[in-house]
Amino acid sequence: MVPATTLVQHMIDAVPGPGRAVAVHDARFLQWTVAAPPTEATVTVRPEGQGRYAVEFGRQARATVETAHGHDTAPRPRPWRTDAPESRPAVSARQMYDDRWMFHGPRFRGVTEIGALGERHVRGVLTTPSAPGALLDNVGQLLGYWLMATHPDRTIVFPTGVEEIRFHGPPPQQGTALDCHIRVTTVTDTALVADAQLARDGEVWAEIRGWRDRRFDSPPEVDPVKRWPEHNTLSETQEGGWQLVFERWPDPASREIYMRSQLAGPEREQYAGRPRAAGARGCSAGSPPRTPYAATCGRTARAPSSPPRYGSPTTLAADRAPRAYTAESSRLWNCRWRTAGRPPSHSFAPPPTAPAPASVSTSRRSSSAPKRRTTPSSPRTSGRSSPGSAAAPAR
């Protein structure tokens, strides 16, 4: 996916000269922008008077860009100071990337130091990367680390809007280091809101007000799959060769986020083409539906009255032989699910009178390859072994 701040940079670049962009107001990010395969978008610029332009990036984003001949249109604020208690983070900036707490590639890895962590703030150093908009994206990465380090769940966040970004100088060159100070203003189950300052040589270069993230459900049990999919799967192979999986996402948006982190472009297209499971009726033959707990493998099945919550098991029914979908089309689902209660022994098995179904793999690798489960370290806990050591796969 294209980072939201990259869309901001594209909208800034679309504004005609000769003025310089000194502020971005009311940025809204409305839809995902797919990077692979490439996406075409029409950028529309409408003058609003007094050096302001309303810019739309297709249907994906919009903002108002303010321009001027210099960056002295607003007084330069002083760098923030804090007297609040803070501690040294247990995870370094390098570990944050190497241990895959962040999924960003090399051109977006600009957090070079995590200096201090507080109950409502975080400080660090950002080194300007090469990709368009990457420096502002690093602000969001540092904010995301604060959430991971201070909250046990709902730690997946994506930006939905920014109230204002004010620039007090020209963009820094690649490799320039800036101090970043983030103040968290609001935390709810669904939203994370913060303000931020970026300072260079003791002077504020940019100030951000009202950075708003949408929080998505992220049960800790699936964290190893998210970070190390080559060694972990959503489903577990049971005795007899059948698969067990749990429905862990209580809302469709959280499941959608997880799907996008696991499936490549062509796989997402296949997933989007599957019919929605409205009571598990009307699914075309051989098409896994969009909700794993109501998959039918081409046959009508009764969906549960409500989606199972955390820890409620969903078993692969053994009354009929399922189709064995390829890894591309079955990453987030198996065939013909049936909700079941947890037996007292906490073990699961197919009905004893039915033949065991064929295995359906949800791994990125072949089902015949050995699977090794890992338990990654937590950003709030130091001293544990990490998959980023000898056990980690080559990137």
Protein backbone atom coordinates (compact mmCIF):
# COMPACT_ATOMS: atom_id res chain seq x y z
CA MET A 1 0.00 0.00 0.00
CA VAL A 2 1.11 3.57 -0.67
CA PRO A 3 1.70 5.42 2.63
CA ALA A 4 -0.71 8.25 3.32
CA THR A 5 2.12 10.75 3.69
CA THR A 6 3.33 9.83 0.20
CA LEU A 7 -0.10 10.87 -1.07
CA VAL A 8 0.34 14.14 0.83
CA GLN A 9 3.65 14.73 -0.94
CA HIS A 10 2.09 13.99 -4.34
CA MET A 11 -0.68 16.49 -3.60
CA ILE A 12 1.90 19.11 -2.60
CA ASP A 13 3.86 18.48 -5.81
CA ALA A 14 0.70 18.91 -7.91
CA VAL A 15 0.15 22.51 -6.76
CA PRO A 16 1.43 25.01 -9.36
CA GLY A 17 4.21 27.47 -8.53
CA PRO A 18 5.78 29.85 -7.92
CA GLY A 19 4.89 29.69 -4.24
CA ARG A 20 6.15 27.06 -1.80
CA ALA A 21 3.94 24.76 0.19
CA VAL A 22 3.95 26.08 3.76
CA ALA A 23 1.07 24.08 5.20
CA VAL A 24 -1.34 21.23 4.54
CA HIS A 25 -4.82 21.49 6.06
CA ASP A 26 -7.57 18.95 6.68
CA ALA A 27 -5.89 15.99 4.97
CA ARG A 28 -8.25 13.02 4.67
CA PHE A 29 -7.32 9.51 3.58
CA LEU A 30 -10.42 7.81 2.23
CA GLN A 31 -9.34 4.63 0.44
CA TRP A 32 -6.36 2.33 0.18
CA THR A 33 -3.97 3.14 -2.65
CA VAL A 34 -2.49 -0.08 -3.99
CA ALA A 35 1.19 0.11 -5.02
CA ALA A 36 1.44 -3.34 -6.64
CA PRO A 37 0.03 -3.72 -9.19
CA PRO A 38 0.44 -0.02 -10.10
CA THR A 39 -2.54 2.26 -9.57
CA GLU A 40 -3.49 5.23 -11.76
CA ALA A 41 -5.12 8.20 -10.08
CA THR A 42 -6.24 11.59 -11.34
CA VAL A 43 -4.98 14.50 -9.24
CA THR A 44 -7.33 17.49 -9.30
CA VAL A 45 -6.24 20.97 -8.15
CA ARG A 46 -8.73 23.80 -7.61
CA PRO A 47 -7.65 27.31 -6.50
CA GLU A 48 -9.49 28.58 -3.43
CA GLY A 49 -7.90 32.02 -3.19
CA GLN A 50 -5.22 33.53 -0.97
CA GLY A 51 -2.64 30.94 -1.94
CA ARG A 52 -4.82 27.95 -1.06
CA TYR A 53 -5.58 24.98 -3.30
CA ALA A 54 -8.05 22.13 -2.80
CA VAL A 55 -6.35 18.98 -4.03
CA GLU A 56 -7.89 15.56 -4.61
CA PHE A 57 -5.82 12.45 -5.23
CA GLY A 58 -8.38 10.36 -7.10
CA ARG A 59 -10.89 8.95 -4.66
CA GLN A 60 -8.17 8.03 -2.20
CA ALA A 61 -7.25 11.32 -0.51
CA ARG A 62 -7.88 15.04 -0.36
CA ALA A 63 -6.34 18.06 1.36
CA THR A 64 -5.97 21.81 1.19
CA VAL A 65 -2.44 23.02 0.40
CA GLU A 66 -1.38 26.51 1.49
CA THR A 67 1.39 28.22 -0.46
CA ALA A 68 3.47 31.37 0.04
CA HIS A 69 6.70 32.91 -1.21
CA GLY A 70 8.48 32.10 2.06
CA HIS A 71 8.09 30.04 5.20
CA ASP A 72 7.68 33.04 7.49
CA THR A 73 3.88 33.17 7.21
CA ALA A 74 3.50 31.86 10.77
CA PRO A 75 5.73 32.35 13.83
CA ARG A 76 8.20 29.52 14.34
CA PRO A 77 7.22 27.69 17.54
CA ARG A 78 9.70 26.75 20.23
CA PRO A 79 10.66 23.10 20.67
CA TRP A 80 8.56 21.34 23.27
CA ARG A 81 9.97 20.49 26.65
CA THR A 82 8.61 17.84 28.95
CA ASP A 83 8.79 17.27 32.68
CA ALA A 84 6.70 14.10 32.51
CA PRO A 85 8.33 10.84 33.67
CA GLU A 86 9.90 8.82 30.87
CA SER A 87 11.93 5.67 30.45
CA ARG A 88 14.38 4.17 28.02
CA PRO A 89 12.59 1.86 25.56
CA ALA A 90 13.48 -1.83 25.67
CA VAL A 91 13.56 -2.04 21.86
CA SER A 92 15.95 0.00 19.74
CA ALA A 93 15.04 1.57 16.42
CA ARG A 94 17.04 -1.08 14.57
CA GLN A 95 15.28 -3.88 16.45
CA MET A 96 11.95 -2.30 15.59
CA TYR A 97 12.66 -2.98 11.92
CA ASP A 98 14.80 -6.13 12.17
CA ASP A 99 12.26 -7.85 14.44
CA ARG A 100 9.46 -6.71 12.13
CA TRP A 101 7.49 -4.58 14.55
CA MET A 102 7.27 -2.36 11.47
CA PHE A 103 6.75 -3.75 7.98
CA HIS A 104 8.40 -0.90 6.05
CA GLY A 105 11.08 -1.45 3.44
CA PRO A 106 14.53 0.20 3.36
CA ARG A 107 13.41 3.43 1.65
CA PHE A 108 10.92 4.14 4.44
CA ARG A 109 13.06 3.15 7.41
CA GLY A 110 13.91 6.52 8.88
CA VAL A 111 13.50 6.02 12.65
CA THR A 112 17.13 5.85 13.73
CA GLU A 113 16.74 6.33 17.48
CA ILE A 114 13.97 5.87 20.03
CA GLY A 115 15.12 8.17 22.81
CA ALA A 116 12.46 8.16 25.52
CA LEU A 117 9.04 6.73 26.20
CA GLY A 118 6.40 8.37 28.41
CA GLU A 119 2.83 7.70 29.39
CA ARG A 120 1.63 10.22 26.80
CA HIS A 121 4.68 11.00 24.68
CA VAL A 122 7.62 9.53 22.80
CA ARG A 123 10.85 11.11 21.58
CA GLY A 124 13.23 9.91 18.91
CA VAL A 125 15.48 10.81 15.99
CA LEU A 126 14.38 10.53 12.35
CA THR A 127 16.87 10.48 9.50
CA THR A 128 15.32 11.70 6.24
CA PRO A 129 14.80 8.73 3.87
CA SER A 130 14.80 8.89 0.09
CA ALA A 131 11.18 8.01 -0.71
CA PRO A 132 8.59 10.79 -1.22
CA GLY A 133 6.72 11.50 2.01
CA ALA A 134 8.79 8.99 3.96
CA LEU A 135 9.97 11.49 6.60
CA LEU A 136 6.41 12.26 7.70
CA ASP A 137 5.60 8.55 7.55
CA ASN A 138 8.40 8.03 10.08
CA VAL A 139 6.41 10.21 12.49
CA GLY A 140 3.57 7.72 12.18
CA GLN A 141 5.99 4.82 12.71
CA LEU A 142 7.30 6.33 15.94
CA LEU A 143 3.74 6.93 17.10
CA GLY A 144 2.88 3.33 16.23
CA TYR A 145 5.81 2.11 18.33
CA TRP A 146 4.53 4.11 21.30
CA LEU A 147 1.19 2.31 21.00
CA MET A 148 2.86 -1.12 20.79
CA ALA A 149 5.01 -0.37 23.81
CA THR A 150 2.20 0.93 26.01
CA HIS A 151 -0.86 -1.11 25.00
CA PRO A 152 -1.36 -4.90 24.86
CA ASP A 153 -3.77 -5.04 21.90
CA ARG A 154 -5.34 -3.06 19.06
CA THR A 155 -1.84 -1.98 18.09
CA ILE A 156 -2.33 -1.98 14.32
CA VAL A 157 -2.99 1.59 13.21
CA PHE A 158 -3.32 3.42 9.91
CA PRO A 159 -3.74 7.17 9.44
CA THR A 160 -7.15 8.51 8.46
CA GLY A 161 -6.42 12.22 8.53
CA VAL A 162 -4.27 15.13 9.70
CA GLU A 163 -5.71 18.45 10.83
CA GLU A 164 -2.63 20.52 9.92
CA ILE A 165 1.01 20.16 8.92
CA ARG A 166 2.91 23.46 9.10
CA PHE A 167 6.38 23.76 7.52
CA HIS A 168 8.82 26.38 8.80
CA GLY A 169 11.57 25.78 6.26
CA PRO A 170 12.42 23.95 3.03
CA PRO A 171 12.34 20.13 3.02
CA PRO A 172 15.48 18.60 4.55
CA GLN A 173 17.88 16.75 2.30
CA GLN A 174 18.14 12.98 2.38
CA GLY A 175 20.23 11.85 5.35
CA THR A 176 19.37 14.89 7.50
CA ALA A 177 18.64 13.96 11.13
CA LEU A 178 15.73 15.59 12.96
CA ASP A 179 14.53 15.34 16.53
CA CYS A 180 10.94 14.12 16.75
CA HIS A 181 8.71 14.75 19.76
CA ILE A 182 5.18 13.29 19.75
CA ARG A 183 2.46 14.15 22.25
CA VAL A 184 -0.51 11.79 22.41
CA THR A 185 -3.74 13.71 22.95
CA THR A 186 -6.45 11.04 22.61
CA VAL A 187 -6.56 7.25 22.88
CA THR A 188 -9.80 5.30 22.46
CA ASP A 189 -10.60 1.77 21.29
CA THR A 190 -10.79 2.97 17.69
CA ALA A 191 -8.72 6.16 17.51
CA LEU A 192 -5.25 7.45 18.32
CA VAL A 193 -4.70 11.20 18.00
CA ALA A 194 -1.40 13.04 18.47
CA ASP A 195 0.55 16.23 17.79
CA ALA A 196 4.20 16.23 16.76
CA GLN A 197 7.22 18.47 16.22
CA LEU A 198 10.23 17.88 13.99
CA ALA A 199 13.26 20.00 14.91
CA ARG A 200 16.63 20.46 13.24
CA ASP A 201 19.57 22.06 15.06
CA GLY A 202 17.25 23.14 17.86
CA GLU A 203 14.73 24.87 15.55
CA VAL A 204 11.32 23.49 14.64
CA TRP A 205 11.11 22.56 10.98
CA ALA A 206 7.56 21.17 10.98
CA GLU A 207 4.69 20.97 13.42
CA ILE A 208 1.80 18.51 13.06
CA ARG A 209 -1.56 18.97 14.77
CA GLY A 210 -4.32 16.39 14.88
CA TRP A 211 -2.62 13.34 13.39
CA ARG A 212 -5.42 10.76 13.60
CA ASP A 213 -4.93 7.01 13.36
CA ARG A 214 -7.62 4.35 13.16
CA ARG A 215 -6.92 1.48 15.56
CA PHE A 216 -7.63 -2.03 14.33
CA ASP A 217 -8.06 -5.19 16.32
CA SER A 218 -4.81 -7.15 16.60
CA PRO A 219 -5.07 -10.17 18.90
CA PRO A 220 -1.63 -11.06 20.29
CA GLU A 221 -2.11 -14.69 19.27
CA VAL A 222 -1.72 -13.87 15.56
CA ASP A 223 1.30 -11.60 16.01
CA PRO A 224 3.83 -14.36 15.12
CA VAL A 225 1.93 -15.00 11.87
CA LYS A 226 1.91 -11.31 11.01
CA ARG A 227 5.61 -10.84 11.66
CA TRP A 228 7.01 -14.24 10.65
CA PRO A 229 4.56 -15.79 8.15
CA GLU A 230 7.25 -18.06 6.75
CA HIS A 231 7.34 -19.92 10.08
CA ASN A 232 3.75 -19.63 11.35
CA THR A 233 0.22 -20.17 10.05
CA LEU A 234 -3.24 -19.04 11.08
CA SER A 235 -4.44 -22.65 11.09
CA GLU A 236 -2.93 -25.56 12.97
CA THR A 237 -2.61 -29.06 11.57
CA GLN A 238 -4.43 -31.60 13.75
CA GLU A 239 -4.00 -35.33 14.06
CA GLY A 240 -5.57 -36.89 10.98
CA GLY A 241 -4.43 -34.12 8.64
CA TRP A 242 -7.26 -31.63 9.15
CA GLN A 243 -6.92 -27.95 9.99
CA LEU A 244 -8.08 -25.89 12.97
CA VAL A 245 -8.41 -22.11 12.84
CA PHE A 246 -9.88 -19.48 15.17
CA GLU A 247 -11.96 -16.50 14.12
CA ARG A 248 -10.09 -13.76 15.97
CA TRP A 249 -11.34 -10.57 14.31
CA PRO A 250 -14.57 -9.12 15.73
CA ASP A 251 -14.99 -6.59 12.92
CA PRO A 252 -14.57 -6.78 9.11
CA ALA A 253 -12.17 -3.82 8.97
CA SER A 254 -9.62 -5.56 11.21
CA ARG A 255 -9.84 -8.73 9.13
CA GLU A 256 -9.38 -6.68 5.97
CA ILE A 257 -6.22 -5.10 7.37
CA TYR A 258 -4.81 -8.50 8.22
CA MET A 259 -5.72 -9.86 4.80
CA ARG A 260 -3.80 -7.06 3.12
CA SER A 261 -0.73 -7.83 5.20
CA GLN A 262 -0.76 -11.48 4.11
CA LEU A 263 -1.93 -11.53 0.49
CA ALA A 264 -0.09 -10.16 -2.53
CA GLY A 265 -1.80 -8.16 -5.27
CA PRO A 266 -3.10 -11.06 -7.41
CA GLU A 267 -4.18 -12.91 -4.27
CA ARG A 268 -6.12 -9.87 -3.06
CA GLU A 269 -7.91 -9.73 -6.41
CA GLN A 270 -8.96 -13.36 -6.00
CA TYR A 271 -10.10 -12.63 -2.46
CA ALA A 272 -12.09 -9.56 -3.56
CA GLY A 273 -13.83 -11.65 -6.23
CA ARG A 274 -15.21 -14.12 -3.70
CA PRO A 275 -18.89 -13.63 -2.83
CA ARG A 276 -19.73 -12.31 0.61
CA ALA A 277 -21.15 -14.91 2.95
CA ALA A 278 -24.64 -13.59 3.67
CA GLY A 279 -25.74 -16.39 5.94
CA ALA A 280 -23.44 -18.61 3.88
CA ARG A 281 -26.10 -18.81 1.14
CA GLY A 282 -25.56 -17.97 -2.48
CA CYS A 283 -21.84 -18.82 -2.58
CA SER A 284 -20.74 -20.06 -5.98
CA ALA A 285 -19.28 -23.53 -6.24
CA GLY A 286 -15.65 -23.74 -5.26
CA SER A 287 -15.47 -20.16 -3.96
CA PRO A 288 -14.38 -19.52 -0.38
CA PRO A 289 -16.42 -16.57 0.96
CA ARG A 290 -15.00 -13.46 2.56
CA THR A 291 -15.74 -14.56 6.13
CA PRO A 292 -13.66 -17.57 7.21
CA TYR A 293 -16.20 -18.77 9.76
CA ALA A 294 -18.86 -19.22 7.04
CA ALA A 295 -16.86 -20.82 4.25
CA THR A 296 -18.78 -23.49 2.36
CA CYS A 297 -16.50 -25.00 -0.30
CA GLY A 298 -19.23 -24.73 -2.88
CA ARG A 299 -21.96 -26.19 -0.71
CA THR A 300 -24.55 -24.35 1.36
CA ALA A 301 -23.77 -24.38 5.06
CA ARG A 302 -25.37 -22.73 8.04
CA ALA A 303 -23.37 -19.75 9.25
CA PRO A 304 -23.15 -19.01 12.98
CA SER A 305 -25.69 -16.51 14.27
CA SER A 306 -22.86 -14.15 15.18
CA PRO A 307 -19.12 -14.15 14.42
CA PRO A 308 -17.12 -16.10 17.00
CA ARG A 309 -15.12 -13.95 19.38
CA TYR A 310 -11.56 -14.49 20.56
CA GLY A 311 -10.78 -18.06 21.46
CA SER A 312 -13.94 -19.57 19.99
CA PRO A 313 -12.90 -22.51 17.82
CA THR A 314 -13.90 -23.14 14.26
CA THR A 315 -13.23 -26.63 12.94
CA LEU A 316 -12.90 -27.99 9.46
CA ALA A 317 -15.93 -30.19 8.91
CA ALA A 318 -15.19 -33.76 7.96
CA ASP A 319 -18.62 -34.79 6.70
CA ARG A 320 -17.67 -33.96 3.12
CA ALA A 321 -14.35 -33.86 1.39
CA PRO A 322 -13.31 -30.21 0.87
CA ARG A 323 -11.54 -28.78 -2.12
CA ALA A 324 -7.85 -28.17 -1.59
CA TYR A 325 -7.33 -24.57 -2.63
CA THR A 326 -3.88 -23.31 -3.52
CA ALA A 327 -1.91 -21.13 -1.13
CA GLU A 328 -2.78 -18.08 -3.24
CA SER A 329 -6.51 -18.55 -2.73
CA SER A 330 -6.64 -19.93 0.79
CA ARG A 331 -4.29 -17.81 2.86
CA LEU A 332 -7.06 -16.52 5.13
CA TRP A 333 -9.55 -19.33 4.90
CA ASN A 334 -9.85 -23.08 4.77
CA CYS A 335 -12.71 -25.02 3.25
CA ARG A 336 -16.12 -25.61 4.81
CA TRP A 337 -15.91 -24.26 8.33
CA ARG A 338 -18.19 -25.31 11.16
CA THR A 339 -18.27 -23.64 14.55
CA ALA A 340 -17.88 -26.00 17.46
CA GLY A 341 -17.71 -25.80 21.22
CA ARG A 342 -14.48 -26.43 23.08
CA PRO A 343 -14.41 -29.97 24.54
CA PRO A 344 -13.41 -30.26 28.19
CA SER A 345 -10.08 -31.75 27.20
CA HIS A 346 -9.30 -28.64 25.10
CA SER A 347 -8.63 -30.93 22.17
CA PHE A 348 -10.38 -30.87 18.83
CA ALA A 349 -11.14 -33.72 16.47
CA PRO A 350 -13.34 -34.36 13.43
CA PRO A 351 -16.52 -36.42 13.88
CA PRO A 352 -15.39 -39.98 14.60
CA THR A 353 -17.59 -41.59 11.96
CA ALA A 354 -16.43 -39.38 9.09
CA PRO A 355 -13.22 -39.72 7.10
CA ALA A 356 -10.55 -37.14 7.82
CA PRO A 357 -10.47 -34.46 5.11
CA ALA A 358 -7.47 -33.54 3.07
CA SER A 359 -5.15 -30.96 4.55
CA VAL A 360 -5.62 -27.34 3.50
CA SER A 361 -2.52 -25.24 3.99
CA THR A 362 -2.63 -21.58 4.97
CA SER A 363 1.12 -21.12 4.95
CA ARG A 364 3.19 -19.25 2.41
CA ARG A 365 5.22 -22.42 2.01
CA SER A 366 4.33 -25.88 0.78
CA SER A 367 2.31 -27.94 3.27
CA SER A 368 5.00 -30.60 3.15
CA ALA A 369 7.70 -28.22 4.39
CA PRO A 370 8.41 -28.34 8.12
CA LYS A 371 6.88 -25.55 10.19
CA ARG A 372 8.72 -23.91 13.04
CA ARG A 373 6.75 -21.79 15.48
CA THR A 374 8.46 -18.80 16.99
CA THR A 375 7.61 -16.55 19.89
CA PRO A 376 8.92 -13.05 19.12
CA SER A 377 9.98 -10.68 21.82
CA SER A 378 7.72 -7.90 22.98
CA PRO A 379 8.70 -4.23 22.65
CA ARG A 380 7.86 -3.87 26.34
CA THR A 381 10.06 -6.76 27.42
CA SER A 382 13.83 -6.94 27.19
CA GLY A 383 16.10 -9.93 27.58
CA ARG A 384 14.05 -12.42 25.55
CA SER A 385 15.33 -14.31 22.57
CA SER A 386 14.33 -12.70 19.29
CA PRO A 387 13.60 -14.12 15.85
CA GLY A 388 15.92 -11.43 14.55
CA SER A 389 18.88 -13.49 15.75
CA ALA A 390 20.24 -16.70 14.24
CA ALA A 391 16.76 -18.19 13.98
CA ALA A 392 15.50 -15.35 11.82
CA PRO A 393 15.09 -15.89 8.08
CA ALA A 394 17.12 -13.87 5.61
CA ARG A 395 15.30 -10.75 4.47
